[in-house]
């Protein structure tokens, strides 16, 4: 221990003289500031949080508890009750889209947004040959003979025995007023396509079309006892004045019109 000239207590160690004043709270013993302790003061501890997830996974594998799995079966089996024809031909083992496709119906009016189930044996959709608005591709020019009509100067007036160019398959192309030939025009492809669609329709679709043409029978409606009592009170108070009945807020709280009240009273008197 050395006494400094300026009155402070100094301690001598391997690192030199150290002022003792900052270490008064440690008591009589000063901390050992050796090189070994200095190297271990900033030692990095192992990160035990990194192995926590791995230990939990091992614990799960060791446990006998089985994980809960959701079943792929639908919770509720579809049972259509809206139409008797569809209900009779419905297959509960198929999905809604599969049933509608088999019956010849459309399950979704909008365009498909995701994947669409491929149809077996389905041909690629393209332009029909009989489509009157389909522009045919231009092929190689075929050289052929044709009869022409010339005037007195030898100029060609028109070509005989040829058909007019019709790239749009217009069915009225040969029926133009300028043509002098009475040849039959081309058949419009729309009718053929409609017949082909009728052949592809299923029996279920035909039954539904027939059912739609037959309107449902009208069900006779009878007035209830409460309605009769209400009409009798209106007649007893206002007689045949239907306008006053419609303006009566106490007996007519639902604000029925004068014409509706008159129709109800006529029906009550006719029965």
C-alpha atoms as a PDB file:
ATOM      1  CA  UNK A   1       0.000   0.000   0.000  1.00  0.00           C
ATOM      2  CA  UNK A   2       1.429   3.388  -1.010  1.00  0.00           C
ATOM      3  CA  UNK A   3       0.330   6.806   0.085  1.00  0.00           C
ATOM      4  CA  UNK A   4      -0.018   9.230  -2.827  1.00  0.00           C
ATOM      5  CA  UNK A   5       1.231  12.750  -2.640  1.00  0.00           C
ATOM      6  CA  UNK A   6      -2.220  14.188  -3.228  1.00  0.00           C
ATOM      7  CA  UNK A   7      -3.819  12.221  -0.369  1.00  0.00           C
ATOM      8  CA  UNK A   8      -5.440   9.281  -2.272  1.00  0.00           C
ATOM      9  CA  UNK A   9      -5.025   5.575  -1.510  1.00  0.00           C
ATOM     10  CA  UNK A  10      -3.376   3.660  -4.366  1.00  0.00           C
ATOM     11  CA  UNK A  11      -3.035  -0.083  -4.853  1.00  0.00           C
ATOM     12  CA  UNK A  12      -0.196  -1.620  -6.812  1.00  0.00           C
ATOM     13  CA  UNK A  13      -0.851  -4.655  -9.040  1.00  0.00           C
ATOM     14  CA  UNK A  14       0.406  -6.159 -12.275  1.00  0.00           C
ATOM     15  CA  UNK A  15      -1.438  -3.505 -14.274  1.00  0.00           C
ATOM     16  CA  UNK A  16       0.065  -0.610 -12.377  1.00  0.00           C
ATOM     17  CA  UNK A  17      -1.296   1.727  -9.770  1.00  0.00           C
ATOM     18  CA  UNK A  18      -5.084   1.715  -9.293  1.00  0.00           C
ATOM     19  CA  UNK A  19      -7.075   4.283  -7.418  1.00  0.00           C
ATOM     20  CA  UNK A  20      -8.892   2.655  -4.514  1.00  0.00           C
ATOM     21  CA  UNK A  21     -11.611   5.262  -4.249  1.00  0.00           C
ATOM     22  CA  UNK A  22     -14.002   3.696  -6.828  1.00  0.00           C
ATOM     23  CA  UNK A  23     -13.773   0.317  -5.028  1.00  0.00           C
ATOM     24  CA  UNK A  24     -14.790   1.450  -1.533  1.00  0.00           C
ATOM     25  CA  UNK A  25     -18.076  -0.427  -1.723  1.00  0.00           C
ATOM     26  CA  UNK A  26     -16.272  -3.766  -2.166  1.00  0.00           C
ATOM     27  CA  UNK A  27     -14.861  -3.719   1.355  1.00  0.00           C
ATOM     28  CA  UNK A  28     -11.288  -4.438   2.285  1.00  0.00           C
ATOM     29  CA  UNK A  29     -10.718  -6.858  -0.584  1.00  0.00           C
ATOM     30  CA  UNK A  30     -10.264  -5.502  -4.073  1.00  0.00           C
ATOM     31  CA  UNK A  31     -11.374  -7.499  -7.133  1.00  0.00           C
ATOM     32  CA  UNK A  32      -8.709  -9.674  -8.644  1.00  0.00           C
ATOM     33  CA  UNK A  33      -8.016  -8.193 -12.093  1.00  0.00           C
ATOM     34  CA  UNK A  34      -5.804 -10.924 -13.467  1.00  0.00           C
ATOM     35  CA  UNK A  35      -5.516 -11.722 -17.159  1.00  0.00           C
ATOM     36  CA  UNK A  36      -7.388 -14.999 -16.675  1.00  0.00           C
ATOM     37  CA  UNK A  37     -10.414 -13.311 -15.158  1.00  0.00           C
ATOM     38  CA  UNK A  38     -10.382 -10.585 -17.779  1.00  0.00           C
ATOM     39  CA  UNK A  39     -10.685 -13.186 -20.552  1.00  0.00           C
ATOM     40  CA  UNK A  40     -13.658 -14.915 -18.874  1.00  0.00           C
ATOM     41  CA  UNK A  41     -15.672 -11.844 -17.952  1.00  0.00           C
ATOM     42  CA  UNK A  42     -17.198 -11.504 -21.459  1.00  0.00           C
ATOM     43  CA  UNK A  43     -17.727 -15.227 -22.054  1.00  0.00           C
ATOM     44  CA  UNK A  44     -20.756 -15.935 -24.327  1.00  0.00           C
ATOM     45  CA  UNK A  45     -23.278 -18.333 -22.783  1.00  0.00           C
ATOM     46  CA  UNK A  46     -24.840 -21.063 -24.997  1.00  0.00           C
ATOM     47  CA  UNK A  47     -28.174 -20.146 -26.603  1.00  0.00           C
ATOM     48  CA  UNK A  48     -30.586 -22.646 -25.099  1.00  0.00           C
ATOM     49  CA  UNK A  49     -33.629 -21.128 -26.832  1.00  0.00           C
ATOM     50  CA  UNK A  50     -32.406 -22.426 -30.211  1.00  0.00           C
ATOM     51  CA  UNK A  51     -32.744 -26.045 -29.079  1.00  0.00           C
ATOM     52  CA  UNK A  52     -36.154 -25.535 -27.450  1.00  0.00           C
ATOM     53  CA  UNK A  53     -38.134 -26.268 -30.622  1.00  0.00           C
ATOM     54  CA  UNK A  54     -36.113 -29.376 -31.335  1.00  0.00           C
ATOM     55  CA  UNK A  55     -36.682 -30.697 -27.793  1.00  0.00           C
ATOM     56  CA  UNK A  56     -40.433 -30.136 -28.133  1.00  0.00           C
ATOM     57  CA  UNK A  57     -40.515 -32.081 -31.385  1.00  0.00           C
ATOM     58  CA  UNK A  58     -38.689 -34.971 -29.727  1.00  0.00           C
ATOM     59  CA  UNK A  59     -41.180 -34.903 -26.875  1.00  0.00           C
ATOM     60  CA  UNK A  60     -44.080 -35.071 -29.326  1.00  0.00           C
ATOM     61  CA  UNK A  61     -42.570 -38.096 -31.055  1.00  0.00           C
ATOM     62  CA  UNK A  62     -42.046 -39.888 -27.742  1.00  0.00           C
ATOM     63  CA  UNK A  63     -45.637 -39.313 -26.583  1.00  0.00           C
ATOM     64  CA  UNK A  64     -48.386 -41.846 -27.362  1.00  0.00           C
ATOM     65  CA  UNK A  65     -51.018 -39.222 -28.183  1.00  0.00           C
ATOM     66  CA  UNK A  66     -52.236 -39.541 -31.770  1.00  0.00           C
ATOM     67  CA  UNK A  67     -52.836 -36.326 -33.763  1.00  0.00           C
ATOM     68  CA  UNK A  68     -56.425 -35.490 -34.646  1.00  0.00           C
ATOM     69  CA  UNK A  69     -57.130 -35.696 -38.382  1.00  0.00           C
ATOM     70  CA  UNK A  70     -60.104 -34.201 -40.170  1.00  0.00           C
ATOM     71  CA  UNK A  71     -62.048 -36.615 -42.339  1.00  0.00           C
ATOM     72  CA  UNK A  72     -62.254 -35.901 -46.053  1.00  0.00           C
ATOM     73  CA  UNK A  73     -65.909 -36.898 -46.236  1.00  0.00           C
ATOM     74  CA  UNK A  74     -68.457 -34.140 -46.515  1.00  0.00           C
ATOM     75  CA  UNK A  75     -70.268 -33.273 -43.329  1.00  0.00           C
ATOM     76  CA  UNK A  76     -73.651 -33.157 -45.035  1.00  0.00           C
ATOM     77  CA  UNK A  77     -74.703 -35.254 -48.020  1.00  0.00           C
ATOM     78  CA  UNK A  78     -76.578 -33.279 -50.663  1.00  0.00           C
ATOM     79  CA  UNK A  79     -80.195 -34.299 -50.996  1.00  0.00           C
ATOM     80  CA  UNK A  80     -81.984 -32.205 -53.641  1.00  0.00           C
ATOM     81  CA  UNK A  81     -85.662 -31.723 -52.942  1.00  0.00           C
ATOM     82  CA  UNK A  82     -86.471 -28.842 -55.271  1.00  0.00           C
ATOM     83  CA  UNK A  83     -87.424 -30.947 -58.288  1.00  0.00           C
ATOM     84  CA  UNK A  84     -88.694 -34.530 -58.384  1.00  0.00           C
ATOM     85  CA  UNK A  85     -87.000 -35.331 -61.720  1.00  0.00           C
ATOM     86  CA  UNK A  86     -83.574 -34.258 -60.477  1.00  0.00           C
ATOM     87  CA  UNK A  87     -84.090 -36.006 -57.119  1.00  0.00           C
ATOM     88  CA  UNK A  88     -84.870 -39.331 -58.825  1.00  0.00           C
ATOM     89  CA  UNK A  89     -81.737 -39.181 -61.016  1.00  0.00           C
ATOM     90  CA  UNK A  90     -79.396 -37.880 -58.300  1.00  0.00           C
ATOM     91  CA  UNK A  91     -76.352 -39.956 -57.338  1.00  0.00           C
ATOM     92  CA  UNK A  92     -75.231 -39.352 -53.738  1.00  0.00           C
ATOM     93  CA  UNK A  93     -71.762 -40.767 -54.427  1.00  0.00           C
ATOM     94  CA  UNK A  94     -70.988 -37.996 -56.929  1.00  0.00           C
ATOM     95  CA  UNK A  95     -70.380 -34.329 -56.322  1.00  0.00           C
ATOM     96  CA  UNK A  96     -72.770 -31.568 -57.313  1.00  0.00           C
ATOM     97  CA  UNK A  97     -70.771 -30.662 -60.431  1.00  0.00           C
ATOM     98  CA  UNK A  98     -70.528 -34.317 -61.506  1.00  0.00           C
ATOM     99  CA  UNK A  99     -74.275 -34.867 -61.071  1.00  0.00           C
ATOM    100  CA  UNK A 100     -75.155 -31.747 -63.035  1.00  0.00           C
ATOM    101  CA  UNK A 101     -72.755 -32.670 -65.826  1.00  0.00           C
ATOM    102  CA  UNK A 102     -74.213 -36.169 -66.055  1.00  0.00           C
ATOM    103  CA  UNK A 103     -77.773 -34.804 -66.133  1.00  0.00           C
ATOM    104  CA  UNK A 104     -76.855 -32.285 -68.844  1.00  0.00           C
ATOM    105  CA  UNK A 105     -77.168 -29.214 -66.610  1.00  0.00           C
ATOM    106  CA  UNK A 106     -74.788 -26.389 -65.708  1.00  0.00           C
ATOM    107  CA  UNK A 107     -73.707 -26.100 -62.081  1.00  0.00           C
ATOM    108  CA  UNK A 108     -72.111 -22.652 -62.465  1.00  0.00           C
ATOM    109  CA  UNK A 109     -73.266 -19.920 -64.826  1.00  0.00           C
ATOM    110  CA  UNK A 110     -70.016 -17.954 -64.566  1.00  0.00           C
ATOM    111  CA  UNK A 111     -66.722 -18.954 -66.121  1.00  0.00           C
ATOM    112  CA  UNK A 112     -64.580 -21.368 -64.062  1.00  0.00           C
ATOM    113  CA  UNK A 113     -62.098 -19.541 -61.838  1.00  0.00           C
ATOM    114  CA  UNK A 114     -59.925 -22.491 -60.862  1.00  0.00           C
ATOM    115  CA  UNK A 115     -59.139 -25.957 -62.129  1.00  0.00           C
ATOM    116  CA  UNK A 116     -61.771 -27.794 -64.138  1.00  0.00           C
ATOM    117  CA  UNK A 117     -62.130 -31.548 -64.145  1.00  0.00           C
ATOM    118  CA  UNK A 118     -61.176 -32.964 -67.521  1.00  0.00           C
ATOM    119  CA  UNK A 119     -63.799 -34.887 -69.448  1.00  0.00           C
ATOM    120  CA  UNK A 120     -62.907 -38.286 -70.793  1.00  0.00           C
ATOM    121  CA  UNK A 121     -63.131 -38.397 -74.580  1.00  0.00           C
ATOM    122  CA  UNK A 122     -63.947 -34.724 -74.878  1.00  0.00           C
ATOM    123  CA  UNK A 123     -62.908 -33.085 -78.118  1.00  0.00           C
ATOM    124  CA  UNK A 124     -61.300 -29.700 -78.263  1.00  0.00           C
ATOM    125  CA  UNK A 125     -63.727 -26.903 -78.857  1.00  0.00           C
ATOM    126  CA  UNK A 126     -63.171 -25.026 -82.081  1.00  0.00           C
ATOM    127  CA  UNK A 127     -64.989 -23.199 -84.819  1.00  0.00           C
ATOM    128  CA  UNK A 128     -67.752 -25.241 -86.347  1.00  0.00           C
ATOM    129  CA  UNK A 129     -67.682 -25.790 -90.088  1.00  0.00           C
ATOM    130  CA  UNK A 130     -71.328 -24.787 -90.347  1.00  0.00           C
ATOM    131  CA  UNK A 131     -70.872 -21.572 -88.386  1.00  0.00           C
ATOM    132  CA  UNK A 132     -72.093 -18.748 -90.671  1.00  0.00           C
ATOM    133  CA  UNK A 133     -69.846 -16.195 -88.915  1.00  0.00           C
ATOM    134  CA  UNK A 134     -66.646 -18.255 -89.086  1.00  0.00           C
ATOM    135  CA  UNK A 135     -64.079 -16.816 -91.510  1.00  0.00           C
ATOM    136  CA  UNK A 136     -62.548 -19.628 -93.509  1.00  0.00           C
ATOM    137  CA  UNK A 137     -58.801 -19.726 -93.968  1.00  0.00           C
ATOM    138  CA  UNK A 138     -57.456 -18.681 -97.369  1.00  0.00           C
ATOM    139  CA  UNK A 139     -55.925 -21.670 -99.149  1.00  0.00           C
ATOM    140  CA  UNK A 140     -53.833 -21.938-102.280  1.00  0.00           C
ATOM    141  CA  UNK A 141     -55.316 -20.483-105.426  1.00  0.00           C
ATOM    142  CA  UNK A 142     -56.677 -23.184-107.734  1.00  0.00           C
ATOM    143  CA  UNK A 143     -56.439 -22.409-111.438  1.00  0.00           C
ATOM    144  CA  UNK A 144     -59.630 -23.402-113.260  1.00  0.00           C
ATOM    145  CA  UNK A 145     -61.590 -22.473-116.341  1.00  0.00           C
ATOM    146  CA  UNK A 146     -64.574 -20.165-116.352  1.00  0.00           C
ATOM    147  CA  UNK A 147     -66.957 -18.689-118.873  1.00  0.00           C
ATOM    148  CA  UNK A 148     -66.918 -14.934-119.256  1.00  0.00           C
ATOM    149  CA  UNK A 149     -69.208 -12.472-120.970  1.00  0.00           C
ATOM    150  CA  UNK A 150     -67.647  -9.663-123.026  1.00  0.00           C
ATOM    151  CA  UNK A 151     -69.047  -6.504-124.519  1.00  0.00           C
ATOM    152  CA  UNK A 152     -68.573  -5.204-128.077  1.00  0.00           C
ATOM    153  CA  UNK A 153     -65.128  -3.830-127.220  1.00  0.00           C
ATOM    154  CA  UNK A 154     -63.962  -7.166-125.780  1.00  0.00           C
ATOM    155  CA  UNK A 155     -64.016  -6.134-122.141  1.00  0.00           C
ATOM    156  CA  UNK A 156     -65.128  -8.717-119.582  1.00  0.00           C
ATOM    157  CA  UNK A 157     -68.490  -7.784-118.123  1.00  0.00           C
ATOM    158  CA  UNK A 158     -69.036 -10.721-115.778  1.00  0.00           C
ATOM    159  CA  UNK A 159     -67.944 -14.269-115.117  1.00  0.00           C
ATOM    160  CA  UNK A 160     -70.540 -16.980-115.681  1.00  0.00           C
ATOM    161  CA  UNK A 161     -70.934 -20.137-113.623  1.00  0.00           C
ATOM    162  CA  UNK A 162     -69.086 -18.988-110.504  1.00  0.00           C
ATOM    163  CA  UNK A 163     -70.325 -18.290-107.017  1.00  0.00           C
ATOM    164  CA  UNK A 164     -69.827 -15.056-105.195  1.00  0.00           C
ATOM    165  CA  UNK A 165     -67.002 -14.921-102.637  1.00  0.00           C
ATOM    166  CA  UNK A 166     -68.477 -15.529 -99.201  1.00  0.00           C
ATOM    167  CA  UNK A 167     -65.773 -15.479 -96.490  1.00  0.00           C
ATOM    168  CA  UNK A 168     -68.386 -14.987 -93.727  1.00  0.00           C
ATOM    169  CA  UNK A 169     -70.610 -17.854 -94.937  1.00  0.00           C
ATOM    170  CA  UNK A 170     -73.537 -15.466 -95.329  1.00  0.00           C
ATOM    171  CA  UNK A 171     -76.644 -17.574 -96.137  1.00  0.00           C
ATOM    172  CA  UNK A 172     -78.189 -14.635 -98.080  1.00  0.00           C
ATOM    173  CA  UNK A 173     -75.141 -14.131-100.294  1.00  0.00           C
ATOM    174  CA  UNK A 174     -76.577 -16.061-103.259  1.00  0.00           C
ATOM    175  CA  UNK A 175     -80.025 -14.525-102.827  1.00  0.00           C
ATOM    176  CA  UNK A 176     -78.844 -11.047-103.785  1.00  0.00           C
ATOM    177  CA  UNK A 177     -81.141  -9.049-106.092  1.00  0.00           C
ATOM    178  CA  UNK A 178     -78.292  -8.533-108.583  1.00  0.00           C
ATOM    179  CA  UNK A 179     -77.881 -12.249-109.263  1.00  0.00           C
ATOM    180  CA  UNK A 180     -79.916 -13.582-112.177  1.00  0.00           C
ATOM    181  CA  UNK A 181     -79.383 -17.241-111.368  1.00  0.00           C
ATOM    182  CA  UNK A 182     -82.047 -19.149-109.476  1.00  0.00           C
ATOM    183  CA  UNK A 183     -79.595 -21.439-107.725  1.00  0.00           C
ATOM    184  CA  UNK A 184     -80.314 -22.619-104.230  1.00  0.00           C
ATOM    185  CA  UNK A 185     -78.501 -20.784-101.468  1.00  0.00           C
ATOM    186  CA  UNK A 186     -76.269 -22.322 -98.888  1.00  0.00           C
ATOM    187  CA  UNK A 187     -77.889 -23.820 -95.840  1.00  0.00           C
ATOM    188  CA  UNK A 188     -77.479 -21.828 -92.659  1.00  0.00           C
ATOM    189  CA  UNK A 189     -75.338 -23.648 -90.128  1.00  0.00           C
ATOM    190  CA  UNK A 190     -77.296 -22.426 -87.124  1.00  0.00           C
ATOM    191  CA  UNK A 191     -80.138 -24.893 -87.673  1.00  0.00           C
ATOM    192  CA  UNK A 192     -77.732 -27.817 -87.935  1.00  0.00           C
ATOM    193  CA  UNK A 193     -76.045 -26.767 -84.734  1.00  0.00           C
ATOM    194  CA  UNK A 194     -79.394 -26.512 -83.004  1.00  0.00           C
ATOM    195  CA  UNK A 195     -80.334 -30.014 -84.142  1.00  0.00           C
ATOM    196  CA  UNK A 196     -76.982 -31.324 -82.898  1.00  0.00           C
ATOM    197  CA  UNK A 197     -77.592 -29.718 -79.527  1.00  0.00           C
ATOM    198  CA  UNK A 198     -81.036 -31.320 -79.335  1.00  0.00           C
ATOM    199  CA  UNK A 199     -79.478 -34.710 -80.017  1.00  0.00           C
ATOM    200  CA  UNK A 200     -76.964 -34.196 -77.191  1.00  0.00           C
ATOM    201  CA  UNK A 201     -79.643 -33.302 -74.625  1.00  0.00           C
ATOM    202  CA  UNK A 202     -80.333 -35.932 -72.001  1.00  0.00           C
ATOM    203  CA  UNK A 203     -83.670 -37.422 -70.995  1.00  0.00           C
ATOM    204  CA  UNK A 204     -83.604 -35.409 -67.785  1.00  0.00           C
ATOM    205  CA  UNK A 205     -83.304 -32.132 -69.700  1.00  0.00           C
ATOM    206  CA  UNK A 206     -86.169 -33.120 -72.011  1.00  0.00           C
ATOM    207  CA  UNK A 207     -88.334 -33.957 -69.008  1.00  0.00           C
ATOM    208  CA  UNK A 208     -87.512 -30.615 -67.412  1.00  0.00           C
ATOM    209  CA  UNK A 209     -88.374 -28.766 -70.637  1.00  0.00           C
ATOM    210  CA  UNK A 210     -91.720 -30.560 -70.873  1.00  0.00           C
ATOM    211  CA  UNK A 211     -92.436 -29.772 -67.246  1.00  0.00           C
ATOM    212  CA  UNK A 212     -91.683 -26.083 -67.813  1.00  0.00           C
ATOM    213  CA  UNK A 213     -94.163 -25.946 -70.706  1.00  0.00           C
ATOM    214  CA  UNK A 214     -96.943 -27.279 -68.475  1.00  0.00           C
ATOM    215  CA  UNK A 215     -97.927 -24.534 -66.006  1.00  0.00           C
ATOM    216  CA  UNK A 216     -98.683 -25.534 -62.443  1.00  0.00           C
ATOM    217  CA  UNK A 217    -102.397 -25.826 -61.643  1.00  0.00           C
ATOM    218  CA  UNK A 218    -103.876 -22.899 -59.783  1.00  0.00           C
ATOM    219  CA  UNK A 219    -104.668 -23.555 -56.152  1.00  0.00           C
ATOM    220  CA  UNK A 220    -108.007 -22.226 -54.971  1.00  0.00           C
ATOM    221  CA  UNK A 221    -107.653 -19.710 -52.151  1.00  0.00           C
ATOM    222  CA  UNK A 222    -110.271 -19.480 -49.422  1.00  0.00           C
ATOM    223  CA  UNK A 223    -110.750 -16.601 -47.047  1.00  0.00           C
ATOM    224  CA  UNK A 224    -110.023 -17.243 -43.403  1.00  0.00           C
ATOM    225  CA  UNK A 225    -112.391 -16.525 -40.537  1.00  0.00           C
ATOM    226  CA  UNK A 226    -110.264 -13.610 -39.355  1.00  0.00           C
ATOM    227  CA  UNK A 227    -110.367 -11.985 -42.792  1.00  0.00           C
ATOM    228  CA  UNK A 228    -114.157 -12.395 -42.957  1.00  0.00           C
ATOM    229  CA  UNK A 229    -114.613 -10.775 -39.536  1.00  0.00           C
ATOM    230  CA  UNK A 230    -112.393  -7.858 -40.587  1.00  0.00           C
ATOM    231  CA  UNK A 231    -114.360  -7.298 -43.809  1.00  0.00           C
ATOM    232  CA  UNK A 232    -117.691  -7.507 -41.969  1.00  0.00           C
ATOM    233  CA  UNK A 233    -116.538  -4.779 -39.563  1.00  0.00           C
ATOM    234  CA  UNK A 234    -115.570  -2.532 -42.486  1.00  0.00           C
ATOM    235  CA  UNK A 235    -118.924  -3.090 -44.239  1.00  0.00           C
ATOM    236  CA  UNK A 236    -120.834  -2.504 -41.004  1.00  0.00           C
ATOM    237  CA  UNK A 237    -119.073   0.829 -40.442  1.00  0.00           C
ATOM    238  CA  UNK A 238    -118.647   2.236 -43.981  1.00  0.00           C
ATOM    239  CA  UNK A 239    -121.149   0.290 -46.090  1.00  0.00           C
ATOM    240  CA  UNK A 240    -119.943   0.192 -49.723  1.00  0.00           C
ATOM    241  CA  UNK A 241    -117.602   3.197 -49.449  1.00  0.00           C
ATOM    242  CA  UNK A 242    -114.278   1.505 -50.232  1.00  0.00           C
ATOM    243  CA  UNK A 243    -112.395   4.801 -50.132  1.00  0.00           C
ATOM    244  CA  UNK A 244    -113.439   5.416 -46.531  1.00  0.00           C
ATOM    245  CA  UNK A 245    -112.435   1.856 -45.661  1.00  0.00           C
ATOM    246  CA  UNK A 246    -108.941   2.462 -47.064  1.00  0.00           C
ATOM    247  CA  UNK A 247    -108.584   5.712 -45.049  1.00  0.00           C
ATOM    248  CA  UNK A 248    -109.715   4.123 -41.773  1.00  0.00           C
ATOM    249  CA  UNK A 249    -106.459   3.756 -39.815  1.00  0.00           C
ATOM    250  CA  UNK A 250    -108.035   1.793 -36.941  1.00  0.00           C
ATOM    251  CA  UNK A 251    -109.828  -0.938 -38.916  1.00  0.00           C
ATOM    252  CA  UNK A 252    -107.277  -0.865 -41.757  1.00  0.00           C
ATOM    253  CA  UNK A 253    -103.868  -0.677 -40.002  1.00  0.00           C
ATOM    254  CA  UNK A 254    -102.096  -2.488 -42.877  1.00  0.00           C
ATOM    255  CA  UNK A 255    -103.217   0.285 -45.319  1.00  0.00           C
ATOM    256  CA  UNK A 256    -104.920  -1.957 -47.846  1.00  0.00           C
ATOM    257  CA  UNK A 257    -106.033  -0.051 -50.955  1.00  0.00           C
ATOM    258  CA  UNK A 258    -109.662   0.601 -51.809  1.00  0.00           C
ATOM    259  CA  UNK A 259    -109.451  -1.660 -54.855  1.00  0.00           C
ATOM    260  CA  UNK A 260    -108.005  -4.535 -52.828  1.00  0.00           C
ATOM    261  CA  UNK A 261    -110.670  -4.191 -50.133  1.00  0.00           C
ATOM    262  CA  UNK A 262    -113.430  -4.115 -52.776  1.00  0.00           C
ATOM    263  CA  UNK A 263    -112.070  -7.286 -54.402  1.00  0.00           C
ATOM    264  CA  UNK A 264    -112.009  -9.063 -51.036  1.00  0.00           C
ATOM    265  CA  UNK A 265    -115.585  -8.008 -50.215  1.00  0.00           C
ATOM    266  CA  UNK A 266    -116.869  -9.203 -53.618  1.00  0.00           C
ATOM    267  CA  UNK A 267    -115.205 -12.557 -53.092  1.00  0.00           C
ATOM    268  CA  UNK A 268    -116.716 -12.848 -49.604  1.00  0.00           C
ATOM    269  CA  UNK A 269    -120.208 -12.152 -50.914  1.00  0.00           C
ATOM    270  CA  UNK A 270    -119.856 -14.588 -53.836  1.00  0.00           C
ATOM    271  CA  UNK A 271    -118.934 -17.538 -51.594  1.00  0.00           C
END
